[in-house]
Amino acid sequence: MNYKEEIFRYLKENNCDALLDMFDRDPHGLRRGLTRLTYDRDEDLAGQAAAFFGMLAKKRAASWPEYFREIIRRHLWAMNEESGNMDWRAPEVIAHIVAAEPDLFGEYAPVMIEAALMEPIFYPSLRKAKKILASKDRKLIEYHLPSLERL
């Protein structure tokens, strides 16, 4: 079984411990595999992959904060990329990481929201991101609330 299939299987099984073990062995390989799965046509699987970034941040961000900042920066960059390859789930991925550790990553919430508000293609993911962030701390979306309520 290849690495992507292994990640796929563990997500389907909701085997967080196995995914954490994969992170401990190869954090960058897991990031790549999860990111690929956020593009999957299976909405449930793509959503699980996005959500796992948050669970991973909850468990590992204290010792790996730069790893998660880099994930956020990569997704922000992909949101602004003009090649046509849109990272449609980027708002959700970022929201899950921010919500997991708002003290470490809260500064990225308004940046993500601003970027997502500029492109209607992100609105479905931004609606989900809004719920994720608001459920953790409404202050994370407070400034943008008027714009978010119009979505």
N, C-alpha and C. Protein backbone atom coordinates (compact mmCIF):
# COMPACT_ATOMS: atom_id res chain seq x y z
N MET A 1 0.85 -1.17 0.00
CA MET A 1 0.00 0.00 0.00
C MET A 1 0.90 1.24 0.00
N ASN A 2 0.61 2.18 -0.92
CA ASN A 2 1.43 3.39 -0.96
C ASN A 2 0.96 4.39 0.11
N TYR A 3 1.73 5.44 0.27
CA TYR A 3 1.50 6.42 1.33
C TYR A 3 0.12 7.07 1.23
N LYS A 4 -0.27 7.47 0.02
CA LYS A 4 -1.57 8.10 -0.18
C LYS A 4 -2.70 7.14 0.19
N GLU A 5 -2.58 5.89 -0.22
CA GLU A 5 -3.60 4.89 0.11
C GLU A 5 -3.69 4.67 1.61
N GLU A 6 -2.53 4.71 2.26
CA GLU A 6 -2.50 4.53 3.72
C GLU A 6 -3.23 5.69 4.41
N ILE A 7 -2.96 6.92 3.98
CA ILE A 7 -3.66 8.08 4.54
C ILE A 7 -5.16 7.96 4.28
N PHE A 8 -5.51 7.61 3.05
CA PHE A 8 -6.91 7.43 2.67
C PHE A 8 -7.60 6.41 3.59
N ARG A 9 -6.95 5.28 3.78
CA ARG A 9 -7.54 4.22 4.61
C ARG A 9 -7.73 4.70 6.05
N TYR A 10 -6.71 5.35 6.61
CA TYR A 10 -6.81 5.80 8.00
C TYR A 10 -7.87 6.89 8.17
N LEU A 11 -8.02 7.75 7.18
CA LEU A 11 -9.08 8.76 7.25
C LEU A 11 -10.45 8.08 7.21
N LYS A 12 -10.62 7.14 6.28
CA LYS A 12 -11.90 6.42 6.16
C LYS A 12 -12.24 5.69 7.47
N GLU A 13 -11.20 5.15 8.12
CA GLU A 13 -11.40 4.42 9.37
C GLU A 13 -11.46 5.36 10.57
N ASN A 14 -11.20 6.64 10.33
CA ASN A 14 -11.11 7.63 11.41
C ASN A 14 -10.07 7.22 12.44
N ASN A 15 -8.95 6.70 11.95
CA ASN A 15 -7.87 6.21 12.79
C ASN A 15 -6.86 7.33 13.03
N CYS A 16 -7.19 8.20 13.96
CA CYS A 16 -6.35 9.37 14.23
C CYS A 16 -4.98 8.98 14.78
N ASP A 17 -4.93 7.93 15.59
CA ASP A 17 -3.65 7.51 16.15
C ASP A 17 -2.67 7.09 15.06
N ALA A 18 -3.16 6.36 14.08
CA ALA A 18 -2.29 5.93 12.97
C ALA A 18 -1.82 7.15 12.17
N LEU A 19 -2.71 8.12 11.96
CA LEU A 19 -2.32 9.33 11.24
C LEU A 19 -1.31 10.14 12.04
N LEU A 20 -1.46 10.19 13.36
CA LEU A 20 -0.47 10.88 14.19
C LEU A 20 0.88 10.17 14.12
N ASP A 21 0.86 8.84 14.08
CA ASP A 21 2.10 8.08 13.91
C ASP A 21 2.75 8.41 12.57
N MET A 22 1.94 8.54 11.53
CA MET A 22 2.47 8.91 10.21
C MET A 22 3.11 10.30 10.29
N PHE A 23 2.46 11.21 10.99
CA PHE A 23 3.03 12.56 11.16
C PHE A 23 4.39 12.46 11.85
N ASP A 24 4.46 11.67 12.90
CA ASP A 24 5.71 11.56 13.65
C ASP A 24 6.84 10.97 12.81
N ARG A 25 6.49 10.12 11.85
CA ARG A 25 7.50 9.53 10.96
C ARG A 25 7.86 10.45 9.79
N ASP A 26 6.85 11.10 9.21
CA ASP A 26 7.08 11.89 8.00
C ASP A 26 6.05 13.03 7.92
N PRO A 27 6.28 14.11 8.68
CA PRO A 27 5.28 15.19 8.72
C PRO A 27 5.02 15.83 7.36
N HIS A 28 6.05 15.97 6.55
CA HIS A 28 5.86 16.62 5.25
C HIS A 28 5.14 15.71 4.26
N GLY A 29 5.40 14.43 4.34
CA GLY A 29 4.66 13.48 3.50
C GLY A 29 3.19 13.45 3.86
N LEU A 30 2.89 13.51 5.15
CA LEU A 30 1.49 13.54 5.58
C LEU A 30 0.82 14.82 5.11
N ARG A 31 1.51 15.95 5.22
CA ARG A 31 0.95 17.22 4.74
C ARG A 31 0.60 17.13 3.27
N ARG A 32 1.53 16.61 2.47
CA ARG A 32 1.28 16.49 1.03
C ARG A 32 0.09 15.57 0.76
N GLY A 33 0.05 14.44 1.43
CA GLY A 33 -1.04 13.49 1.22
C GLY A 33 -2.39 14.04 1.63
N LEU A 34 -2.45 14.69 2.78
CA LEU A 34 -3.71 15.28 3.23
C LEU A 34 -4.16 16.39 2.30
N THR A 35 -3.20 17.21 1.87
CA THR A 35 -3.54 18.31 0.96
C THR A 35 -4.13 17.75 -0.33
N ARG A 36 -3.52 16.71 -0.88
CA ARG A 36 -4.07 16.09 -2.09
C ARG A 36 -5.50 15.61 -1.87
N LEU A 37 -5.74 15.04 -0.70
CA LEU A 37 -7.08 14.52 -0.42
C LEU A 37 -8.11 15.63 -0.23
N THR A 38 -7.69 16.84 0.09
CA THR A 38 -8.66 17.94 0.18
C THR A 38 -9.20 18.31 -1.20
N TYR A 39 -8.53 17.86 -2.25
CA TYR A 39 -8.99 18.09 -3.61
C TYR A 39 -9.87 16.94 -4.12
N ASP A 40 -10.05 15.90 -3.33
CA ASP A 40 -10.79 14.72 -3.78
C ASP A 40 -12.24 15.06 -4.10
N ARG A 41 -12.79 14.34 -5.07
CA ARG A 41 -14.20 14.56 -5.46
C ARG A 41 -15.17 14.07 -4.40
N ASP A 42 -14.73 13.16 -3.58
CA ASP A 42 -15.56 12.66 -2.48
C ASP A 42 -15.59 13.76 -1.40
N GLU A 43 -16.72 14.44 -1.31
CA GLU A 43 -16.86 15.58 -0.39
C GLU A 43 -16.56 15.21 1.06
N ASP A 44 -17.03 14.03 1.46
CA ASP A 44 -16.81 13.61 2.84
C ASP A 44 -15.33 13.39 3.12
N LEU A 45 -14.65 12.72 2.21
CA LEU A 45 -13.23 12.47 2.38
C LEU A 45 -12.45 13.78 2.38
N ALA A 46 -12.75 14.66 1.45
CA ALA A 46 -12.06 15.95 1.38
C ALA A 46 -12.29 16.75 2.66
N GLY A 47 -13.51 16.71 3.17
CA GLY A 47 -13.81 17.40 4.42
C GLY A 47 -13.08 16.79 5.61
N GLN A 48 -12.97 15.46 5.63
CA GLN A 48 -12.22 14.79 6.69
C GLN A 48 -10.76 15.18 6.66
N ALA A 49 -10.20 15.25 5.46
CA ALA A 49 -8.79 15.63 5.32
C ALA A 49 -8.58 17.05 5.84
N ALA A 50 -9.48 17.96 5.48
CA ALA A 50 -9.38 19.34 5.96
C ALA A 50 -9.49 19.38 7.48
N ALA A 51 -10.44 18.64 8.03
CA ALA A 51 -10.64 18.63 9.48
C ALA A 51 -9.46 18.03 10.22
N PHE A 52 -8.81 17.03 9.60
CA PHE A 52 -7.69 16.40 10.29
C PHE A 52 -6.54 17.38 10.50
N PHE A 53 -6.39 18.36 9.61
CA PHE A 53 -5.36 19.37 9.84
C PHE A 53 -5.57 20.05 11.20
N GLY A 54 -6.82 20.28 11.57
CA GLY A 54 -7.12 20.89 12.86
C GLY A 54 -6.80 19.97 14.02
N MET A 55 -7.18 18.70 13.90
CA MET A 55 -6.87 17.75 14.96
C MET A 55 -5.37 17.61 15.13
N LEU A 56 -4.68 17.58 14.01
CA LEU A 56 -3.23 17.49 14.03
C LEU A 56 -2.62 18.72 14.70
N ALA A 57 -3.15 19.89 14.39
CA ALA A 57 -2.66 21.12 15.03
C ALA A 57 -2.90 21.08 16.53
N LYS A 58 -4.05 20.57 16.94
CA LYS A 58 -4.36 20.48 18.37
C LYS A 58 -3.33 19.61 19.09
N LYS A 59 -2.91 18.53 18.43
CA LYS A 59 -1.99 17.58 19.06
C LYS A 59 -0.51 17.94 18.91
N ARG A 60 -0.15 18.65 17.82
CA ARG A 60 1.27 18.84 17.55
C ARG A 60 1.73 20.30 17.39
N ALA A 61 0.84 21.26 17.38
CA ALA A 61 1.24 22.65 17.11
C ALA A 61 2.15 23.23 18.18
N ALA A 62 2.00 22.81 19.41
CA ALA A 62 2.85 23.35 20.48
C ALA A 62 4.32 23.08 20.20
N SER A 63 4.61 21.91 19.64
CA SER A 63 6.01 21.57 19.35
C SER A 63 6.41 21.82 17.89
N TRP A 64 5.42 22.04 17.01
CA TRP A 64 5.69 22.25 15.59
C TRP A 64 4.96 23.49 15.05
N PRO A 65 5.03 24.63 15.70
CA PRO A 65 4.23 25.78 15.24
C PRO A 65 4.58 26.24 13.82
N GLU A 66 5.85 26.18 13.45
CA GLU A 66 6.24 26.63 12.11
C GLU A 66 5.70 25.71 11.02
N TYR A 67 5.60 24.46 11.32
CA TYR A 67 5.01 23.50 10.38
C TYR A 67 3.60 23.94 10.01
N PHE A 68 2.82 24.31 11.00
CA PHE A 68 1.43 24.71 10.75
C PHE A 68 1.34 26.10 10.13
N ARG A 69 2.24 26.98 10.51
CA ARG A 69 2.27 28.29 9.83
C ARG A 69 2.57 28.11 8.35
N GLU A 70 3.46 27.20 8.06
CA GLU A 70 3.80 26.93 6.65
C GLU A 70 2.60 26.36 5.90
N ILE A 71 1.84 25.49 6.52
CA ILE A 71 0.63 24.96 5.88
C ILE A 71 -0.33 26.10 5.59
N ILE A 72 -0.54 26.96 6.56
CA ILE A 72 -1.45 28.10 6.37
C ILE A 72 -0.95 28.98 5.24
N ARG A 73 0.34 29.29 5.25
CA ARG A 73 0.90 30.15 4.18
C ARG A 73 0.76 29.50 2.81
N ARG A 74 0.98 28.21 2.72
CA ARG A 74 0.82 27.51 1.43
C ARG A 74 -0.61 27.61 0.92
N HIS A 75 -1.56 27.44 1.82
CA HIS A 75 -2.97 27.51 1.40
C HIS A 75 -3.36 28.94 1.04
N LEU A 76 -2.85 29.92 1.77
CA LEU A 76 -3.12 31.32 1.39
C LEU A 76 -2.53 31.62 0.02
N TRP A 77 -1.32 31.14 -0.22
CA TRP A 77 -0.69 31.35 -1.52
C TRP A 77 -1.53 30.69 -2.62
N ALA A 78 -1.97 29.47 -2.36
CA ALA A 78 -2.77 28.76 -3.37
C ALA A 78 -4.10 29.47 -3.64
N MET A 79 -4.65 30.13 -2.63
CA MET A 79 -5.90 30.88 -2.84
C MET A 79 -5.68 32.05 -3.78
N ASN A 80 -4.47 32.58 -3.78
CA ASN A 80 -4.17 33.76 -4.60
C ASN A 80 -3.47 33.41 -5.91
N GLU A 81 -3.20 32.12 -6.13
CA GLU A 81 -2.53 31.65 -7.34
C GLU A 81 -3.41 31.91 -8.55
N GLU A 82 -2.82 32.33 -9.63
CA GLU A 82 -3.60 32.67 -10.81
C GLU A 82 -3.50 31.65 -11.94
N SER A 83 -2.99 30.46 -11.64
CA SER A 83 -2.84 29.46 -12.69
C SER A 83 -4.16 28.74 -13.00
N GLY A 84 -5.16 28.94 -12.17
CA GLY A 84 -6.43 28.25 -12.36
C GLY A 84 -6.61 27.07 -11.43
N ASN A 85 -5.56 26.67 -10.75
CA ASN A 85 -5.66 25.59 -9.77
C ASN A 85 -6.08 26.17 -8.43
N MET A 86 -7.36 26.26 -8.23
CA MET A 86 -7.88 26.87 -7.02
C MET A 86 -7.90 25.87 -5.87
N ASP A 87 -7.41 26.29 -4.74
CA ASP A 87 -7.43 25.51 -3.52
C ASP A 87 -8.77 25.77 -2.83
N TRP A 88 -9.82 25.17 -3.35
CA TRP A 88 -11.19 25.47 -2.94
C TRP A 88 -11.44 25.25 -1.46
N ARG A 89 -10.76 24.31 -0.86
CA ARG A 89 -10.96 24.02 0.56
C ARG A 89 -9.99 24.76 1.47
N ALA A 90 -9.18 25.62 0.93
CA ALA A 90 -8.21 26.34 1.75
C ALA A 90 -8.84 27.05 2.94
N PRO A 91 -9.97 27.75 2.78
CA PRO A 91 -10.55 28.40 3.96
C PRO A 91 -10.86 27.41 5.09
N GLU A 92 -11.34 26.23 4.73
CA GLU A 92 -11.64 25.23 5.76
C GLU A 92 -10.38 24.71 6.43
N VAL A 93 -9.36 24.40 5.64
CA VAL A 93 -8.11 23.90 6.21
C VAL A 93 -7.55 24.93 7.18
N ILE A 94 -7.47 26.17 6.74
CA ILE A 94 -6.93 27.24 7.59
C ILE A 94 -7.79 27.41 8.83
N ALA A 95 -9.10 27.41 8.67
CA ALA A 95 -10.01 27.58 9.81
C ALA A 95 -9.83 26.47 10.84
N HIS A 96 -9.67 25.24 10.38
CA HIS A 96 -9.48 24.13 11.32
C HIS A 96 -8.19 24.32 12.12
N ILE A 97 -7.12 24.75 11.47
CA ILE A 97 -5.85 24.96 12.17
C ILE A 97 -5.98 26.12 13.14
N VAL A 98 -6.55 27.22 12.70
CA VAL A 98 -6.71 28.39 13.56
C VAL A 98 -7.59 28.05 14.76
N ALA A 99 -8.70 27.37 14.53
CA ALA A 99 -9.62 27.02 15.62
C ALA A 99 -8.98 26.06 16.62
N ALA A 100 -8.08 25.23 16.14
CA ALA A 100 -7.40 24.29 17.04
C ALA A 100 -6.47 25.01 18.00
N GLU A 101 -5.82 26.06 17.52
CA GLU A 101 -4.85 26.80 18.33
C GLU A 101 -4.94 28.30 18.02
N PRO A 102 -6.02 28.95 18.45
CA PRO A 102 -6.20 30.37 18.11
C PRO A 102 -5.11 31.28 18.67
N ASP A 103 -4.53 30.92 19.80
CA ASP A 103 -3.47 31.77 20.35
C ASP A 103 -2.22 31.76 19.47
N LEU A 104 -1.98 30.65 18.81
CA LEU A 104 -0.82 30.55 17.92
C LEU A 104 -1.11 31.06 16.51
N PHE A 105 -2.33 30.84 16.02
CA PHE A 105 -2.60 31.08 14.60
C PHE A 105 -3.76 32.03 14.31
N GLY A 106 -4.34 32.63 15.33
CA GLY A 106 -5.50 33.49 15.15
C GLY A 106 -5.28 34.65 14.20
N GLU A 107 -4.06 35.12 14.11
CA GLU A 107 -3.76 36.25 13.22
C GLU A 107 -4.03 35.93 11.75
N TYR A 108 -4.09 34.65 11.41
CA TYR A 108 -4.31 34.27 10.01
C TYR A 108 -5.78 34.26 9.62
N ALA A 109 -6.68 34.24 10.59
CA ALA A 109 -8.11 34.18 10.26
C ALA A 109 -8.55 35.36 9.40
N PRO A 110 -8.24 36.61 9.77
CA PRO A 110 -8.69 37.72 8.93
C PRO A 110 -8.03 37.74 7.55
N VAL A 111 -6.81 37.27 7.46
CA VAL A 111 -6.11 37.23 6.17
C VAL A 111 -6.83 36.25 5.25
N MET A 112 -7.17 35.07 5.79
CA MET A 112 -7.89 34.06 5.00
C MET A 112 -9.26 34.57 4.59
N ILE A 113 -9.96 35.21 5.52
CA ILE A 113 -11.31 35.70 5.23
C ILE A 113 -11.26 36.74 4.12
N GLU A 114 -10.33 37.68 4.22
CA GLU A 114 -10.19 38.72 3.18
C GLU A 114 -9.94 38.09 1.82
N ALA A 115 -9.02 37.13 1.78
CA ALA A 115 -8.69 36.49 0.50
C ALA A 115 -9.90 35.74 -0.05
N ALA A 116 -10.62 35.04 0.80
CA ALA A 116 -11.77 34.25 0.35
C ALA A 116 -12.94 35.14 -0.08
N LEU A 117 -13.11 36.27 0.56
CA LEU A 117 -14.20 37.18 0.18
C LEU A 117 -14.00 37.77 -1.21
N MET A 118 -12.77 37.79 -1.68
CA MET A 118 -12.47 38.38 -2.98
C MET A 118 -12.83 37.45 -4.15
N GLU A 119 -13.02 36.17 -3.88
CA GLU A 119 -13.27 35.20 -4.95
C GLU A 119 -14.50 34.35 -4.61
N PRO A 120 -15.59 34.53 -5.33
CA PRO A 120 -16.81 33.75 -5.04
C PRO A 120 -16.62 32.24 -5.05
N ILE A 121 -15.61 31.75 -5.75
CA ILE A 121 -15.37 30.31 -5.79
C ILE A 121 -15.09 29.76 -4.39
N PHE A 122 -14.61 30.63 -3.49
CA PHE A 122 -14.30 30.20 -2.12
C PHE A 122 -15.49 30.27 -1.17
N TYR A 123 -16.59 30.85 -1.59
CA TYR A 123 -17.71 31.08 -0.67
C TYR A 123 -18.22 29.82 0.02
N PRO A 124 -18.39 28.69 -0.69
CA PRO A 124 -18.86 27.49 0.03
C PRO A 124 -17.92 27.08 1.16
N SER A 125 -16.62 27.10 0.89
CA SER A 125 -15.65 26.74 1.92
C SER A 125 -15.58 27.82 3.00
N LEU A 126 -15.74 29.07 2.61
CA LEU A 126 -15.71 30.16 3.58
C LEU A 126 -16.90 30.07 4.54
N ARG A 127 -18.06 29.66 4.04
CA ARG A 127 -19.22 29.47 4.92
C ARG A 127 -18.91 28.42 6.00
N LYS A 128 -18.25 27.35 5.59
CA LYS A 128 -17.86 26.32 6.56
C LYS A 128 -16.80 26.85 7.51
N ALA A 129 -15.84 27.60 6.97
CA ALA A 129 -14.78 28.17 7.80
C ALA A 129 -15.36 29.12 8.84
N LYS A 130 -16.34 29.89 8.44
CA LYS A 130 -17.01 30.82 9.37
C LYS A 130 -17.58 30.05 10.56
N LYS A 131 -18.25 28.94 10.31
CA LYS A 131 -18.83 28.13 11.39
C LYS A 131 -17.75 27.53 12.28
N ILE A 132 -16.68 27.06 11.66
CA ILE A 132 -15.58 26.46 12.42
C ILE A 132 -14.97 27.49 13.36
N LEU A 133 -14.67 28.67 12.82
CA LEU A 133 -14.04 29.72 13.63
C LEU A 133 -14.98 30.26 14.70
N ALA A 134 -16.23 30.51 14.32
CA ALA A 134 -17.20 31.06 15.28
C ALA A 134 -17.48 30.09 16.42
N SER A 135 -17.45 28.80 16.12
CA SER A 135 -17.70 27.82 17.18
C SER A 135 -16.57 27.79 18.21
N LYS A 136 -15.39 28.21 17.80
CA LYS A 136 -14.25 28.26 18.72
C LYS A 136 -14.23 29.59 19.47
N ASP A 137 -14.29 30.70 18.71
CA ASP A 137 -14.24 32.04 19.31
C ASP A 137 -14.78 33.04 18.29
N ARG A 138 -15.91 33.60 18.59
CA ARG A 138 -16.56 34.53 17.67
C ARG A 138 -15.67 35.73 17.33
N LYS A 139 -14.73 36.04 18.20
CA LYS A 139 -13.81 37.16 17.95
C LYS A 139 -12.96 36.93 16.70
N LEU A 140 -12.78 35.67 16.34
CA LEU A 140 -11.97 35.36 15.16
C LEU A 140 -12.62 35.85 13.87
N ILE A 141 -13.94 36.04 13.88
CA ILE A 141 -14.63 36.50 12.66
C ILE A 141 -15.34 37.84 12.86
N GLU A 142 -15.26 38.37 14.06
CA GLU A 142 -16.04 39.55 14.43
C GLU A 142 -15.90 40.71 13.45
N TYR A 143 -14.69 41.05 13.08
CA TYR A 143 -14.46 42.19 12.19
C TYR A 143 -15.15 41.99 10.84
N HIS A 144 -15.14 40.78 10.34
CA HIS A 144 -15.69 40.47 9.01
C HIS A 144 -17.14 40.00 9.04
N LEU A 145 -17.74 39.99 10.21
CA LEU A 145 -19.09 39.45 10.34
C LEU A 145 -20.11 40.05 9.37
N PRO A 146 -20.14 41.37 9.17
CA PRO A 146 -21.12 41.90 8.20
C PRO A 146 -20.96 41.30 6.80
N SER A 147 -19.73 41.16 6.35
CA SER A 147 -19.49 40.57 5.02
C SER A 147 -19.82 39.09 5.01
N LEU A 148 -19.48 38.40 6.07
CA LEU A 148 -19.74 36.96 6.14
C LEU A 148 -21.23 36.65 6.22
N GLU A 149 -21.98 37.50 6.86
CA GLU A 149 -23.42 37.27 6.97
C GLU A 149 -24.13 37.44 5.63
N ARG A 150 -23.50 38.14 4.70
CA ARG A 150 -24.10 38.33 3.36
C ARG A 150 -23.85 37.15 2.43
N LEU A 151 -23.01 36.24 2.83
CA LEU A 151 -22.70 35.08 1.96
C LEU A 151 -23.91 34.19 1.77
